[in-house]
Structures are given as structure tokens and as C-alpha cells.
Protein backbone atom coordinates (compact mmCIF):
# COMPACT_ATOMS: atom_id res chain seq x y z
CA MET A 1 0.00 0.04 0.07
CA THR A 2 1.38 3.27 -1.11
CA SER A 3 1.97 6.09 1.27
CA LEU A 4 0.39 9.54 0.96
CA PHE A 5 4.17 10.65 1.85
CA GLU A 6 5.14 8.54 -1.19
CA LEU A 7 2.33 10.00 -3.61
CA PHE A 8 2.93 13.60 -2.42
CA LYS A 9 6.75 14.16 -2.64
CA ILE A 10 8.71 17.44 -2.50
CA GLY A 11 10.78 17.96 -5.48
CA ILE A 12 11.77 20.29 -8.40
CA GLY A 13 10.52 20.77 -11.85
CA PRO A 14 9.72 20.22 -14.63
CA SER A 15 8.73 16.72 -14.48
CA SER A 16 8.41 14.10 -11.86
CA SER A 17 9.07 11.16 -14.32
CA HIS A 18 11.89 13.04 -16.23
CA THR A 19 13.61 15.25 -13.52
CA VAL A 20 12.71 13.82 -10.03
CA ALA A 21 12.86 10.12 -10.86
CA PRO A 22 16.04 10.10 -12.86
CA MET A 23 17.64 12.06 -10.01
CA ARG A 24 16.56 9.53 -7.44
CA ALA A 25 17.64 6.62 -9.93
CA ALA A 26 21.22 8.26 -9.96
CA GLN A 27 21.30 8.49 -6.18
CA ALA A 28 20.35 4.62 -5.97
CA PHE A 29 22.92 3.72 -8.45
CA LEU A 30 25.36 5.54 -6.33
CA ARG A 31 24.29 3.64 -3.14
CA GLY A 32 24.66 0.45 -5.02
CA LEU A 33 28.32 1.36 -6.11
CA GLN A 34 28.88 1.87 -2.50
CA ARG A 35 27.35 -1.56 -1.31
CA ALA A 36 29.48 -3.15 -3.96
CA ASN A 37 32.47 -1.61 -2.67
CA VAL A 38 33.51 -0.26 -6.11
CA PHE A 39 32.61 3.46 -5.68
CA ASP A 40 36.22 4.59 -5.09
CA ARG A 41 37.31 2.82 -8.14
CA VAL A 42 34.85 4.54 -10.64
CA GLN A 43 36.43 6.86 -13.33
CA ARG A 44 33.53 7.07 -15.72
CA VAL A 45 29.96 6.76 -15.70
CA GLN A 46 27.79 6.41 -18.87
CA ILE A 47 24.05 7.21 -18.79
CA ASP A 48 21.69 5.69 -21.57
CA LEU A 49 18.26 7.19 -21.78
CA TYR A 50 15.50 5.30 -23.86
CA GLY A 51 11.88 5.88 -24.68
CA SER A 52 10.16 8.95 -23.47
CA LEU A 53 13.34 10.02 -21.44
CA ALA A 54 15.19 10.17 -24.71
CA LEU A 55 12.67 11.74 -26.79
CA THR A 56 11.68 14.59 -24.32
CA GLY A 57 14.54 14.31 -21.98
CA ILE A 58 16.25 17.92 -22.86
CA GLY A 59 12.86 19.84 -22.44
CA HIS A 60 12.19 17.84 -19.28
CA GLY A 61 15.47 18.43 -17.72
CA THR A 62 16.46 14.91 -17.58
CA ASP A 63 20.15 15.59 -18.53
CA SER A 64 20.59 18.01 -15.54
CA ALA A 65 18.64 15.55 -13.24
CA VAL A 66 21.04 12.43 -13.82
CA LEU A 67 24.06 14.55 -13.43
CA THR A 68 22.96 16.36 -10.22
CA GLY A 69 21.85 12.79 -8.94
CA LEU A 70 25.17 11.53 -9.53
CA ALA A 71 26.52 14.52 -7.67
CA GLY A 72 24.85 13.33 -4.71
CA GLU A 73 21.84 15.76 -4.78
CA MET A 74 18.29 14.69 -3.91
CA PRO A 75 15.07 16.41 -5.51
CA ASP A 76 13.57 17.19 -2.11
CA THR A 77 16.62 19.17 -0.72
CA ILE A 78 18.53 20.42 -3.78
CA GLU A 79 18.44 24.25 -4.68
CA PRO A 80 17.04 24.64 -8.01
CA GLU A 81 19.71 26.92 -9.23
CA LEU A 82 22.26 24.17 -8.73
CA HIS A 83 21.35 22.34 -11.78
CA LYS A 84 22.98 25.22 -13.88
CA THR A 85 26.04 25.10 -12.04
CA ILE A 86 26.67 21.12 -12.43
CA LEU A 87 25.48 21.41 -16.23
CA SER A 88 28.14 24.20 -16.55
CA GLU A 89 30.77 22.06 -14.86
CA ALA A 90 29.89 19.05 -17.04
CA ALA A 91 30.29 21.20 -20.18
CA GLU A 92 33.94 21.96 -19.12
CA GLY A 93 34.58 18.39 -18.93
CA SER A 94 34.23 17.00 -15.20
CA LEU A 95 31.56 15.65 -13.11
CA SER A 96 31.04 15.96 -9.18
CA PHE A 97 30.69 12.37 -8.34
CA GLY A 98 28.86 11.48 -5.23
CA GLY A 99 29.75 14.96 -3.70
CA THR A 100 33.12 13.83 -2.89
CA ARG A 101 35.20 13.80 -5.82
CA ARG A 102 35.34 14.61 -9.67
CA ILE A 103 35.55 12.33 -12.59
CA PRO A 104 35.94 13.30 -16.27
CA PHE A 105 32.90 13.65 -18.33
CA GLN A 106 32.22 14.06 -22.14
CA ARG A 107 28.65 14.64 -22.92
CA ASP A 108 28.54 13.10 -26.39
CA ARG A 109 30.17 9.84 -25.01
CA ASP A 110 28.87 9.50 -21.41
CA LEU A 111 25.18 10.96 -21.86
CA LEU A 112 23.39 9.12 -24.67
CA PHE A 113 19.80 9.71 -25.89
CA HIS A 114 18.54 6.64 -27.71
CA ARG A 115 15.58 8.42 -29.40
CA ASP A 116 15.00 5.33 -31.69
CA GLN A 117 14.89 2.71 -29.00
CA MET A 118 11.94 2.49 -26.48
CA TYR A 119 13.34 -0.03 -23.98
CA PRO A 120 17.01 -0.72 -22.61
CA GLU A 121 16.45 -4.41 -23.40
CA ALA A 122 15.29 -4.80 -27.04
CA ASP A 123 13.47 -8.15 -26.41
CA VAL A 124 11.81 -7.12 -23.12
CA VAL A 125 8.78 -4.78 -23.00
CA THR A 126 8.59 -3.06 -19.63
CA HIS A 127 7.94 0.68 -19.25
CA PRO A 128 8.85 3.54 -21.69
CA ASN A 129 10.95 5.70 -19.34
CA GLY A 130 14.06 3.53 -18.97
CA VAL A 131 17.60 4.62 -17.90
CA ARG A 132 20.72 2.58 -17.69
CA PHE A 133 23.75 3.45 -15.51
CA SER A 134 27.18 2.03 -16.19
CA ALA A 135 30.24 2.61 -14.20
CA PHE A 136 33.92 2.02 -15.43
CA ASP A 137 37.22 1.77 -14.03
CA GLU A 138 40.23 3.75 -15.02
CA ALA A 139 41.25 0.93 -17.55
CA GLY A 140 37.75 0.91 -19.13
CA ASN A 141 36.55 -2.21 -17.27
CA LYS A 142 32.84 -2.10 -16.51
CA LEU A 143 32.28 -2.25 -12.68
CA ALA A 144 28.50 -2.02 -12.49
CA ASP A 145 25.54 -1.89 -14.64
CA GLU A 146 22.01 -1.19 -13.67
CA VAL A 147 18.54 -0.29 -15.13
CA PHE A 148 15.71 1.74 -13.66
CA TYR A 149 12.45 2.60 -14.79
CA SER A 150 10.56 5.86 -13.90
CA ILE A 151 6.87 4.74 -13.60
CA GLY A 152 5.35 8.04 -12.83
CA GLY A 153 4.99 10.65 -10.01
CA GLY A 154 8.93 10.28 -9.26
CA PHE A 155 8.64 6.60 -8.42
CA ILE A 156 11.50 4.21 -9.69
CA VAL A 157 12.01 0.64 -9.85
CA THR A 158 14.80 -1.48 -10.74
CA ALA A 159 14.69 -3.72 -13.81
CA GLU A 160 14.81 -6.62 -11.42
CA ARG A 161 11.51 -5.47 -9.59
CA PHE A 162 9.84 -5.15 -13.05
CA SER A 163 7.86 -8.30 -13.92
CA ALA A 164 7.37 -9.51 -17.39
CA SER A 165 3.82 -8.36 -17.38
CA GLY A 166 4.94 -4.85 -17.12
CA ALA A 167 4.18 -4.09 -13.50
CA ALA A 168 6.18 -3.32 -10.52
CA THR A 169 6.44 -6.14 -7.96
CA PRO A 170 5.87 -5.06 -4.40
CA GLU A 171 9.03 -4.49 -2.32
CA SER A 172 7.39 -5.48 1.05
CA SER A 173 4.00 -5.73 2.65
CA ARG A 174 3.10 -3.03 5.33
CA ASP A 175 1.15 -3.84 8.37
CA ILE A 176 -1.66 -1.34 8.30
CA PRO A 177 -5.25 -1.68 9.58
CA TYR A 178 -7.05 -1.02 6.26
CA ASN A 179 -5.81 -2.73 3.17
CA PHE A 180 -7.88 -1.78 0.01
CA ARG A 181 -7.08 -2.77 -3.51
CA SER A 182 -10.17 -1.03 -5.19
CA ALA A 183 -12.51 1.64 -4.50
CA ALA A 184 -15.36 -0.66 -3.55
CA GLN A 185 -13.00 -2.18 -1.13
CA LEU A 186 -12.32 1.25 0.39
CA LEU A 187 -15.96 2.03 0.63
CA ALA A 188 -16.83 -1.30 2.31
CA SER A 189 -13.85 -1.05 4.91
CA ALA A 190 -14.89 2.55 5.76
CA ALA A 191 -18.52 1.46 5.98
CA ALA A 192 -17.62 -1.63 8.25
CA ALA A 193 -15.71 0.70 10.70
CA ASN A 194 -18.16 3.37 10.38
CA ILE A 195 -15.55 6.02 9.54
CA THR A 196 -14.78 8.38 6.73
CA ILE A 197 -12.37 7.70 3.99
CA ALA A 198 -9.99 10.30 5.45
CA GLU A 199 -10.07 8.64 8.87
CA LEU A 200 -9.16 5.40 7.22
CA VAL A 201 -6.21 6.78 5.40
CA PHE A 202 -5.13 8.65 8.49
CA ALA A 203 -5.13 5.35 10.61
CA ASN A 204 -3.09 3.74 7.75
CA GLU A 205 -0.60 6.60 7.71
CA VAL A 206 -0.07 6.62 11.47
CA ALA A 207 0.68 2.81 11.15
CA ILE A 208 3.46 3.31 8.91
CA ILE A 209 4.87 6.67 9.75
CA ASP A 210 8.00 4.95 11.23
CA ASP A 211 8.68 2.90 8.37
CA ARG A 212 11.86 4.01 7.07
CA LYS A 213 11.36 3.08 3.37
CA ILE A 214 9.03 5.97 2.88
CA PRO A 215 10.43 9.68 2.52
CA ARG A 216 9.89 11.22 5.95
CA PRO A 217 7.89 14.42 5.86
CA ARG A 218 9.90 17.74 6.50
CA ILE A 219 9.10 17.89 10.07
CA ASP A 220 10.68 17.58 13.41
CA SER A 221 9.22 14.25 14.98
CA THR A 222 7.25 14.80 17.78
CA GLY A 223 7.41 11.01 19.00
CA ASP A 224 3.77 10.59 18.44
CA ALA A 225 2.73 9.18 15.24
CA ALA A 226 -0.65 10.76 14.76
CA THR A 227 0.84 14.35 15.39
CA ASP A 228 3.74 13.64 13.03
CA VAL A 229 1.20 12.43 10.42
CA ARG A 230 -0.83 15.59 10.80
CA ASN A 231 2.21 17.76 10.94
CA GLY A 232 3.74 16.02 7.81
CA VAL A 233 0.42 16.68 5.66
CA LEU A 234 0.17 20.44 6.69
CA ALA A 235 3.93 20.70 5.95
CA LEU A 236 3.39 19.23 2.39
CA TRP A 237 0.41 21.78 1.99
CA ALA A 238 2.52 24.68 3.20
CA VAL A 239 5.06 23.87 0.37
CA MET A 240 2.25 23.81 -2.15
CA ASP A 241 0.79 27.14 -0.90
CA ASP A 242 4.41 28.74 -1.07
CA THR A 243 4.71 27.40 -4.70
CA ILE A 244 1.40 29.17 -5.59
CA GLN A 245 2.63 32.35 -3.98
CA ARG A 246 5.81 32.29 -5.78
CA GLY A 247 4.08 31.51 -8.96
CA ILE A 248 1.67 34.64 -8.50
CA LEU A 249 4.73 36.82 -7.79
CA ASN A 250 7.23 35.69 -10.20
CA GLU A 251 7.01 37.41 -13.76
CA GLY A 252 9.07 36.88 -16.84
CA THR A 253 9.56 34.27 -19.67
CA LEU A 254 9.88 30.44 -19.08
CA PRO A 255 13.08 28.71 -20.11
CA GLY A 256 13.28 26.44 -22.89
CA GLY A 257 12.89 28.57 -26.10
CA LEU A 258 9.17 28.75 -26.70
CA GLN A 259 9.24 32.16 -25.12
CA VAL A 260 6.15 31.54 -22.94
CA ARG A 261 5.32 34.35 -20.66
CA ARG A 262 4.18 33.58 -17.25
CA ARG A 263 0.36 34.63 -17.01
CA ALA A 264 -0.38 33.98 -13.38
CA PRO A 265 0.91 37.34 -12.19
CA ARG A 266 -1.05 39.29 -14.81
CA LEU A 267 -4.44 37.31 -14.25
CA SER A 268 -4.06 37.75 -10.42
CA ALA A 269 -3.45 41.43 -10.99
CA ARG A 270 -6.71 41.59 -13.08
CA LEU A 271 -8.82 39.76 -10.72
CA GLN A 272 -7.70 41.97 -7.63
CA GLU A 273 -8.55 45.03 -9.61
CA LYS A 274 -12.03 43.69 -10.36
CA GLY A 275 -12.56 42.50 -6.73
CA SER A 276 -15.56 40.25 -5.93
CA SER A 277 -18.25 41.98 -8.56
CA ASP A 278 -17.82 38.91 -10.83
CA PRO A 279 -19.68 35.96 -9.28
CA LEU A 280 -17.34 33.56 -11.20
CA ALA A 281 -14.07 35.13 -9.79
CA PRO A 282 -13.48 32.14 -7.59
CA LEU A 283 -13.09 29.92 -10.62
CA ASP A 284 -10.90 32.32 -12.13
CA TRP A 285 -8.64 32.19 -9.04
CA VAL A 286 -8.77 28.33 -9.11
CA THR A 287 -7.19 28.78 -12.79
CA VAL A 288 -4.74 31.34 -11.37
CA PHE A 289 -3.71 29.08 -8.64
CA ALA A 290 -3.17 25.78 -10.94
CA MET A 291 -1.12 27.81 -13.44
CA ALA A 292 0.94 29.68 -10.74
CA VAL A 293 2.12 26.12 -9.68
CA ASN A 294 2.75 24.94 -13.10
CA GLU A 295 4.55 27.87 -14.31
CA GLU A 296 6.72 27.43 -11.20
CA ASN A 297 7.34 23.63 -12.22
CA ALA A 298 8.10 24.64 -15.86
CA ALA A 299 10.74 27.05 -14.48
CA GLY A 300 12.39 24.16 -12.59
CA GLY A 301 11.11 25.43 -9.08
CA ARG A 302 10.17 23.75 -5.92
CA VAL A 303 6.81 21.79 -6.30
CA VAL A 304 5.03 18.74 -4.84
CA THR A 305 4.07 15.79 -6.79
CA ALA A 306 0.43 15.64 -6.92
CA PRO A 307 0.54 12.98 -8.22
CA THR A 308 2.98 14.28 -10.74
CA ASN A 309 4.88 17.40 -11.55
CA GLY A 310 3.16 17.88 -14.99
CA ALA A 311 -0.16 17.80 -13.13
CA ALA A 312 0.97 19.52 -9.64
CA GLY A 313 -1.37 22.38 -9.94
CA VAL A 314 -4.54 20.83 -9.60
CA VAL A 315 -4.59 19.60 -6.07
CA PRO A 316 -3.10 22.67 -4.43
CA ALA A 317 -5.43 24.93 -6.68
CA VAL A 318 -8.58 23.36 -5.16
CA ALA A 319 -7.18 23.27 -1.73
CA ARG A 320 -6.59 26.85 -1.99
CA TYR A 321 -10.17 27.41 -3.45
CA TYR A 322 -11.47 25.59 -0.34
CA LYS A 323 -9.46 27.59 1.98
CA ASP A 324 -10.20 31.18 0.49
CA PHE A 325 -13.91 30.56 -0.88
CA ILE A 326 -15.56 28.11 1.34
CA PRO A 327 -17.14 29.56 4.53
CA GLY A 328 -16.07 27.75 7.64
CA ALA A 329 -12.94 26.31 5.87
CA ASP A 330 -10.41 25.22 8.58
CA GLU A 331 -7.33 23.00 9.09
CA ASP A 332 -9.43 19.98 9.68
CA GLY A 333 -11.16 20.40 6.26
CA LEU A 334 -7.69 20.65 4.59
CA MET A 335 -6.58 17.48 6.46
CA ARG A 336 -9.82 15.77 4.95
CA TYR A 337 -8.92 17.05 1.71
CA PHE A 338 -5.41 15.59 1.38
CA LEU A 339 -6.12 12.41 3.10
CA THR A 340 -8.99 11.59 0.83
CA ALA A 341 -7.19 12.69 -2.44
CA ALA A 342 -4.29 10.48 -1.48
CA ALA A 343 -6.63 7.44 -1.22
CA ILE A 344 -7.91 8.21 -4.73
CA GLY A 345 -4.24 8.63 -6.19
CA ILE A 346 -3.16 5.28 -4.49
CA LEU A 347 -5.89 3.58 -6.30
CA TYR A 348 -4.71 4.85 -9.67
CA LYS A 349 -1.16 4.26 -8.95
CA GLU A 350 -1.66 0.60 -7.70
CA ASN A 351 -4.26 -0.43 -10.20
CA ALA A 352 -3.34 1.73 -13.32
CA SER A 353 -0.76 4.41 -13.93
CA ILE A 354 0.32 7.84 -13.18
CA SER A 355 2.70 8.10 -16.02
CA GLY A 356 2.18 10.24 -19.10
CA ALA A 357 4.52 8.16 -21.08
CA GLU A 358 2.51 4.91 -20.30
CA VAL A 359 -1.14 6.32 -20.49
CA GLY A 360 -1.03 10.05 -21.67
CA CYS A 361 -2.03 13.02 -19.82
CA GLN A 362 -5.29 11.27 -18.49
CA GLY A 363 -2.87 9.70 -16.01
CA GLU A 364 -1.56 12.84 -14.87
CA VAL A 365 -4.17 15.84 -15.15
CA GLY A 366 -7.01 13.19 -15.13
CA VAL A 367 -5.86 11.65 -12.06
CA ALA A 368 -5.10 14.84 -10.35
CA CYS A 369 -8.60 16.14 -11.23
CA SER A 370 -10.01 12.82 -9.80
CA MET A 371 -8.00 13.15 -6.47
CA ALA A 372 -8.92 16.80 -6.04
CA ALA A 373 -12.62 16.25 -6.90
CA GLY A 374 -12.84 13.54 -4.17
CA GLY A 375 -10.78 15.53 -1.70
CA LEU A 376 -13.08 18.55 -2.11
CA VAL A 377 -16.20 16.55 -1.26
CA ALA A 378 -14.47 15.30 1.85
CA ALA A 379 -13.43 18.71 2.88
CA LEU A 380 -16.88 19.98 2.56
CA ASN A 381 -18.08 16.89 4.86
CA GLY A 382 -19.71 14.86 2.03
CA THR A 383 -20.40 11.20 2.24
CA ASN A 384 -18.05 8.51 1.36
CA ALA A 385 -20.11 7.60 -1.69
CA GLN A 386 -20.30 11.26 -2.81
CA VAL A 387 -16.44 11.16 -2.75
CA GLU A 388 -16.25 8.10 -4.89
CA HIS A 389 -18.62 9.60 -7.29
CA ALA A 390 -16.82 12.93 -7.47
CA ALA A 391 -13.63 11.10 -8.32
CA GLU A 392 -15.35 8.98 -10.93
CA ILE A 393 -16.69 12.19 -12.62
CA GLY A 394 -13.25 13.71 -12.45
CA MET A 395 -11.71 10.95 -14.55
CA GLU A 396 -14.59 10.21 -16.77
CA HIS A 397 -14.31 13.52 -18.51
CA ASN A 398 -10.45 13.29 -18.95
CA LEU A 399 -10.54 9.95 -20.54
CA GLY A 400 -8.15 9.64 -23.70
CA MET A 401 -6.40 12.79 -22.98
CA THR A 402 -2.91 12.60 -24.67
CA CYS A 403 0.39 13.90 -23.66
CA ASP A 404 1.77 15.89 -26.27
CA PRO A 405 3.99 18.72 -25.01
CA ILE A 406 5.26 21.29 -27.63
CA GLY A 407 8.94 21.08 -27.70
CA GLY A 408 9.23 18.46 -25.21
CA LEU A 409 8.70 21.38 -22.60
CA VAL A 410 6.15 21.09 -19.78
CA GLN A 411 4.43 24.30 -20.82
CA ILE A 412 1.89 24.11 -23.72
CA PRO A 413 -0.45 22.67 -23.10
CA CYS A 414 0.45 21.52 -19.77
CA ILE A 415 0.11 24.66 -17.84
CA GLU A 416 -3.49 25.58 -19.11
CA ARG A 417 -4.49 21.87 -18.59
CA ASN A 418 -3.82 22.16 -14.98
CA GLY A 419 -6.21 25.19 -14.71
CA MET A 420 -8.97 23.06 -16.70
CA GLY A 421 -8.56 20.19 -14.53
CA ALA A 422 -8.80 22.05 -11.35
CA VAL A 423 -11.95 23.91 -12.49
CA LYS A 424 -13.36 20.41 -13.56
CA ALA A 425 -12.59 18.92 -10.11
CA VAL A 426 -14.75 21.84 -8.49
CA ASN A 427 -17.49 21.24 -10.88
CA ALA A 428 -17.27 17.38 -10.38
CA ALA A 429 -17.48 17.94 -6.42
CA ARG A 430 -20.55 20.00 -6.87
CA MET A 431 -22.19 17.55 -8.96
CA SER A 432 -21.69 14.52 -6.85
CA MET A 433 -23.03 16.38 -3.75
CA ASN A 434 -25.97 17.59 -5.62
CA GLU A 435 -26.82 14.09 -6.89
CA LEU A 436 -29.24 11.86 -4.81
CA ASP A 437 -29.37 8.82 -7.01
CA GLU A 438 -26.91 6.11 -7.58
CA HIS A 439 -24.53 6.80 -10.47
CA LYS A 440 -24.13 4.18 -13.34
CA VAL A 441 -20.31 4.12 -13.75
CA SER A 442 -18.14 3.33 -10.57
CA LEU A 443 -14.68 4.63 -9.86
CA ASP A 444 -13.00 1.12 -10.17
CA GLN A 445 -14.71 1.00 -13.78
CA VAL A 446 -13.35 4.41 -14.83
CA ILE A 447 -9.91 3.42 -13.51
CA ARG A 448 -9.94 0.23 -15.43
CA THR A 449 -11.09 2.18 -18.47
CA MET A 450 -8.43 4.72 -18.17
CA TYR A 451 -5.52 2.18 -17.91
CA GLN A 452 -6.90 0.24 -20.90
CA THR A 453 -7.35 3.40 -22.86
CA GLY A 454 -3.82 4.36 -22.17
CA LEU A 455 -2.53 0.93 -23.36
CA ASP A 456 -4.36 1.50 -26.66
CA MET A 457 -3.02 4.85 -27.28
CA GLN A 458 -0.34 5.06 -29.77
CA SER A 459 2.98 5.68 -28.10
CA ARG A 460 3.56 9.01 -30.19
CA TYR A 461 0.77 10.53 -28.17
CA LYS A 462 2.18 9.56 -24.88
CA GLU A 463 5.01 12.08 -23.93
CA THR A 464 7.16 11.42 -26.87
CA SER A 465 6.25 14.98 -28.57
CA LEU A 466 5.88 12.96 -31.79
CA ALA A 467 2.27 13.69 -32.53
CA GLY A 468 -0.72 15.87 -31.51
CA LEU A 469 -0.05 19.49 -30.67
CA ALA A 470 3.52 18.78 -30.37
CA LEU A 471 3.69 18.05 -34.06
CA ASN A 472 1.04 20.25 -35.53
CA VAL A 473 2.21 23.54 -33.70
CA ILE A 474 5.20 25.24 -35.10
CA GLU A 475 7.85 25.80 -32.35
CA CYS A 476 8.77 29.60 -32.40
């Protein structure tokens, strides 16, 4: 069972699959070298990128991510500006290795983008986000070789843990009070215990907060698991809210060559000038909040995967909508929101995919919309059934969404899609809470449909920038 603190991870932009995960994979490779007692003998490292990591890796910052990871940096603690320094040093022929020494580096030899090859192993179909790290000694002998797959949302798995069916095998089971593998089981468990989905997830998180295999929340532990979970969730929200604020304040043009101007600051200024006279102003603010986050993400700033970087604006935007525009909104409501959103995100991650390279943008913005819709119902004290209904609506109307970033950059159409996804989430929550009859399509059915749709989608529509808007809009 995935933890909330694995689903929501602090990192940097522009991509959880292409930036956060490759950095974590590089760190994992370093640890493997140290365990094998060959770290001190390494004089050269070669990185081979495949599939979507190769096709959109430059625009998504994969090159700087793997190099900063090999330098010993981690996505939740690295200063965003450090990327530029490490890239500059690499261009001059040397690479910080493990943060302790420097080794030679030649970009055209040591960092290879296999744009014509989808998988590291030609005869094994696994995941389209593959990276191979190889380490060599001074004589050119290979000391180690390891393949990692970036499976969405910053999650990584080794080739050994990827089954022939293309699914990650669980590393270990967790002793939690409420196991659920489907929305139906989630609802049944909550009903049997006479608790809300948020209370169920909270109980699970309390049970695993001391499991050292999950990223620890950025808090000082109090020694009380329940307090630590609450403080950890609120700490994640504080980072999200800070990203919104930075996105509203920071002006200028986004990096990458498309010359995309930041719009959140201008939209925010206009809304403040208009005041509250427009009855639809709250929805305009939802759009601003979401776009502010994703403009920060596109600029390589600090964001929280929710469940990915490309979709990082939806969940914070709807949380801010609840906080700013719902009378009586409070901290408990925010807790219900994030705990419930996490339950929904876990269902998608464990039963389908949150990787744009695997299932298209329906697995990113679509899942984020579904999470935010269900979370908002919980924040508003809706029933568990209404939460499930809202989450189903949120995905049903994102089915089939492609991932076709222009120029391989997480900018067009990604930034606007977050605004649209956040507005859809608010509408889905309102629809579910105004509905009294049972709905015909279940969340489990729509999750299965999303996954199958993604598998049927041609790969050129899944984060490869080979079709869709990426092909039909001229880069300028």
C-alpha cells in the first residue's frame, strides 16, 4: 500500500518522471556502487536514456537531473539553481561524483539519448521511461550496470523488480489496519468501521509513519505518530501554498525557447482590480492558482508531486479554493482533503498508472482532477459515496487525454490543462454532492477504462512529442 508521503513528494520541476525520478535513480545507483565496494574505483559513468526519457529528456531536464543525482543531490533538498552549475561544470569536462570527488565527463560519450529505441532491453517490453547507468574503472573495465524505470510521479523501480507483465512487484508488505485494492474495498472497509475515507487513510499513515522506507515528512518528529502525520500533511500543504504564492509573484518568460510568458501574475493582478463583483471570480482564481504552480514547475522551481509534476497544480489549486472561498474552511477540512485525495491517487497508482509516458495526460491531469474532486467533497463533509462519485466524474471527463508537450517542454498545453483540470474538479465535486441517485459508472470501472485506454493509445501521443499539438504547432 502506497503511503501519502510517497504519493506527495517535494521535488523540483519540470517533471516528476523525467527530473525527480532520474535524480533518484542516479542516487540509487550511487548507493549500489557503495554497497558493492567499487565506488572509489569509478572513473567514468555512462548514462543511456530510452523511450520518453530520450525523446523529451532535454525539455524535461533529464540531462541535468541525472548529473545532479550522480553529484549526490536529492530532489527534495537540492537548490533549483544548482542544476545550472552542475551542467556548466559538465560542459567543461568534469562531473561531481557522489559529492566527494570529480571524474571526467564527455557529454557526447557519457550521456546518450536513444531516441530510436523504446526500451533498454530490445526483447523485453517494460516501461517507456528507462535509464541505464554503467560505471567503469580507469582501464575502461565495467564495474557495475543497472537499469531503472521511471513509472510516474517520481517513483522508480529496478529492472529486477519489474515483472514480465510490465508491473512493479511490491518491495514488501506493510502492516496497516485497512488494506484496500479497489474503491469498492475502500468504501466497504470505511463502512464496516463506520469511519470516513479520510479517517481510514489517517489510520493507515499512523501505522506506517515509522517505516523508514518512505520519505519522511519535512518536520521535526514529536514522537507521536498521529501528530507527525498531521504535521507532515500540513507541511506538504505549506510547500504547495508557497509554490502558488511564488508563481503569482514571479514574472518573466519561461526557459526552454518557446518564449512562453508567465500568465499567473497578470491574471492575479486583473482579478484583484476587479474585486468580488464577478460571481465567477472564484473559478478564475482556481485557474490562477493552478497555473501559478505549473509555471513554477516549468521554470524548475520547488513543487510537490500531486500525483506528478506535470499535474502538480490541480490539487493545490482546489485546496486553496477551499481555504479562500468556502465559509468555515479550516485546517481539519484541509486534512480531510489531502487524506482523501491520497486514497484516490493510491487507487490509480496501484491499479493503473500515473505516468504520461505510459497512459497519456489522463494519467496525470486526469488523475489529479479525480483526486481533487474527491478530496473537495471530503473537505465539505460529503459522504464516502459522494467522494467516490466525484472522483469518478473527475476522471470520466478526462479519458483519452494525450500527452503531447510542444518542444518536449512542460508548458504548452500542460500549464493550461492544470487550470482546466482544477475547474473540472470543483464542478465534479458540486455535481456529486447535488446528486441523490446512484450513479451508473463506478470509480473502479473508470480506473480500468483509463488504463486500457492508455495502453491502446499510440506511443507517439504519450509524452514523446511525436504527435498531437507537439507535431502540429510550429515551435517559435
